Amino acid sequence: MKVFLFLLGAALPTYSLAEDAAVSALTYGDDWPFPVEEGIVRCEPSSTAVLLQTEEGIFALNGSALGQVDSQGWLDTRDFQERDESGMFLNGVDTIRALIKLGLEDC
């Protein structure tokens, strides 16, 4: 499947992805931490950064991607996860783990 998305009026590169790289909140239910309903999981082979590409922006999922948030302008996924009073994540942990695994299969 070829994916071509537009972000803030600028064209993003086209990526060839497996059919199962398209993900949505419907699949992950209440554990879905993102403010969007769907996206495309992809991996940057040069750095193994796993990303969720959406119409709202690109979310950094794994450590390699999180380390590049500022330099690449990606969104930090942790900013969208609910936390309890001690700072522990209340949602998204299982979903993000599954998305990282899916993305690394694409590397």
Protein backbone atom coordinates (compact mmCIF):
# COMPACT_ATOMS: atom_id res chain seq x y z
CA MET A 1 0.00 0.00 0.00
CA LYS A 2 1.33 3.45 -0.86
CA VAL A 3 0.56 6.18 1.64
CA PHE A 4 0.72 9.88 0.89
CA LEU A 5 -0.37 12.30 3.62
CA PHE A 6 -0.32 16.06 3.91
CA LEU A 7 0.81 17.75 7.13
CA LEU A 8 0.50 21.47 7.70
CA GLY A 9 0.27 22.06 3.97
CA ALA A 10 3.55 20.28 3.21
CA ALA A 11 3.72 16.93 1.47
CA LEU A 12 5.28 14.10 3.45
CA PRO A 13 7.36 11.42 1.77
CA THR A 14 5.61 8.38 0.34
CA TYR A 15 6.27 5.08 2.09
CA SER A 16 5.55 1.52 1.03
CA LEU A 17 3.98 -0.21 3.98
CA ALA A 18 2.43 -3.55 4.77
CA GLU A 19 -1.36 -3.58 4.93
CA ASP A 20 -1.26 -4.19 8.68
CA ALA A 21 0.70 -0.97 9.30
CA ALA A 22 -2.60 0.95 9.26
CA VAL A 23 -3.88 1.08 12.85
CA SER A 24 -6.90 2.57 14.58
CA ALA A 25 -8.46 3.23 17.96
CA LEU A 26 -11.13 0.64 17.16
CA THR A 27 -8.53 -2.11 17.42
CA TYR A 28 -7.01 -1.01 20.74
CA GLY A 29 -10.10 0.34 22.53
CA ASP A 30 -9.68 2.24 25.80
CA ASP A 31 -5.91 1.73 25.76
CA TRP A 32 -5.54 3.97 22.66
CA PRO A 33 -3.75 7.10 24.00
CA PHE A 34 -3.73 9.30 20.90
CA PRO A 35 -6.00 12.27 20.12
CA VAL A 36 -6.60 10.86 16.62
CA GLU A 37 -8.58 7.81 15.55
CA GLU A 38 -6.11 6.25 13.10
CA GLY A 39 -2.65 6.37 11.63
CA ILE A 40 0.14 4.53 9.88
CA VAL A 41 2.95 2.91 11.84
CA ARG A 42 6.32 3.19 10.15
CA CYS A 43 9.99 2.87 10.98
CA GLU A 44 12.91 5.04 9.92
CA PRO A 45 15.45 2.34 8.95
CA SER A 46 18.48 4.60 9.48
CA SER A 47 17.66 5.10 13.17
CA THR A 48 15.00 2.45 13.94
CA ALA A 49 12.71 5.27 15.08
CA VAL A 50 9.17 3.90 15.19
CA LEU A 51 6.52 6.50 14.40
CA LEU A 52 2.75 6.84 14.16
CA GLN A 53 2.03 9.06 11.17
CA THR A 54 -1.37 10.77 11.34
CA GLU A 55 -3.12 13.74 9.78
CA GLU A 56 -2.52 15.63 13.06
CA GLY A 57 1.23 14.99 13.20
CA ILE A 58 3.86 12.33 13.67
CA PHE A 59 4.02 10.66 17.08
CA ALA A 60 7.33 9.25 18.36
CA LEU A 61 6.76 5.77 19.81
CA ASN A 62 10.06 4.20 20.84
CA GLY A 63 13.24 5.45 22.48
CA SER A 64 15.00 6.06 19.16
CA ALA A 65 12.14 8.27 18.03
CA LEU A 66 11.66 10.01 21.38
CA GLY A 67 15.31 11.05 21.30
CA GLN A 68 14.63 12.92 18.05
CA VAL A 69 11.38 14.67 19.03
CA ASP A 70 12.90 18.15 19.20
CA SER A 71 15.15 17.89 16.16
CA GLN A 72 12.47 16.32 13.92
CA GLY A 73 9.41 18.16 15.22
CA TRP A 74 7.66 14.92 16.15
CA LEU A 75 5.08 14.70 18.95
CA ASP A 76 6.08 13.01 22.21
CA THR A 77 3.61 10.17 22.76
CA ARG A 78 4.08 10.37 26.53
CA ASP A 79 2.47 13.83 26.51
CA PHE A 80 -0.82 12.21 25.48
CA GLN A 81 -0.92 9.38 28.00
CA GLU A 82 -2.93 9.79 31.20
CA ARG A 83 -0.96 9.44 34.45
CA ASP A 84 -1.91 8.77 38.04
CA GLU A 85 -0.81 10.97 40.96
CA SER A 86 2.56 9.18 41.16
CA GLY A 87 3.27 9.69 37.45
CA MET A 88 2.58 6.12 36.31
CA PHE A 89 0.86 5.78 32.93
CA LEU A 90 -2.80 4.78 33.13
CA ASN A 91 -3.28 3.98 29.46
CA GLY A 92 -1.45 3.37 26.23
CA VAL A 93 1.34 1.14 27.49
CA ASP A 94 0.08 -2.04 25.80
CA THR A 95 -0.97 -0.21 22.65
CA ILE A 96 2.36 1.55 22.26
CA ARG A 97 4.25 -1.70 22.91
CA ALA A 98 2.24 -3.39 20.13
CA LEU A 99 2.77 -0.49 17.72
CA ILE A 100 6.52 -0.50 18.36
CA LYS A 101 6.66 -4.22 17.62
CA LEU A 102 4.69 -3.67 14.40
CA GLY A 103 6.95 -0.78 13.38
CA LEU A 104 10.16 -2.70 13.99
CA GLU A 105 8.90 -5.45 11.69
CA ASP A 106 8.90 -2.77 8.95
CA CYS A 107 12.55 -1.85 9.59
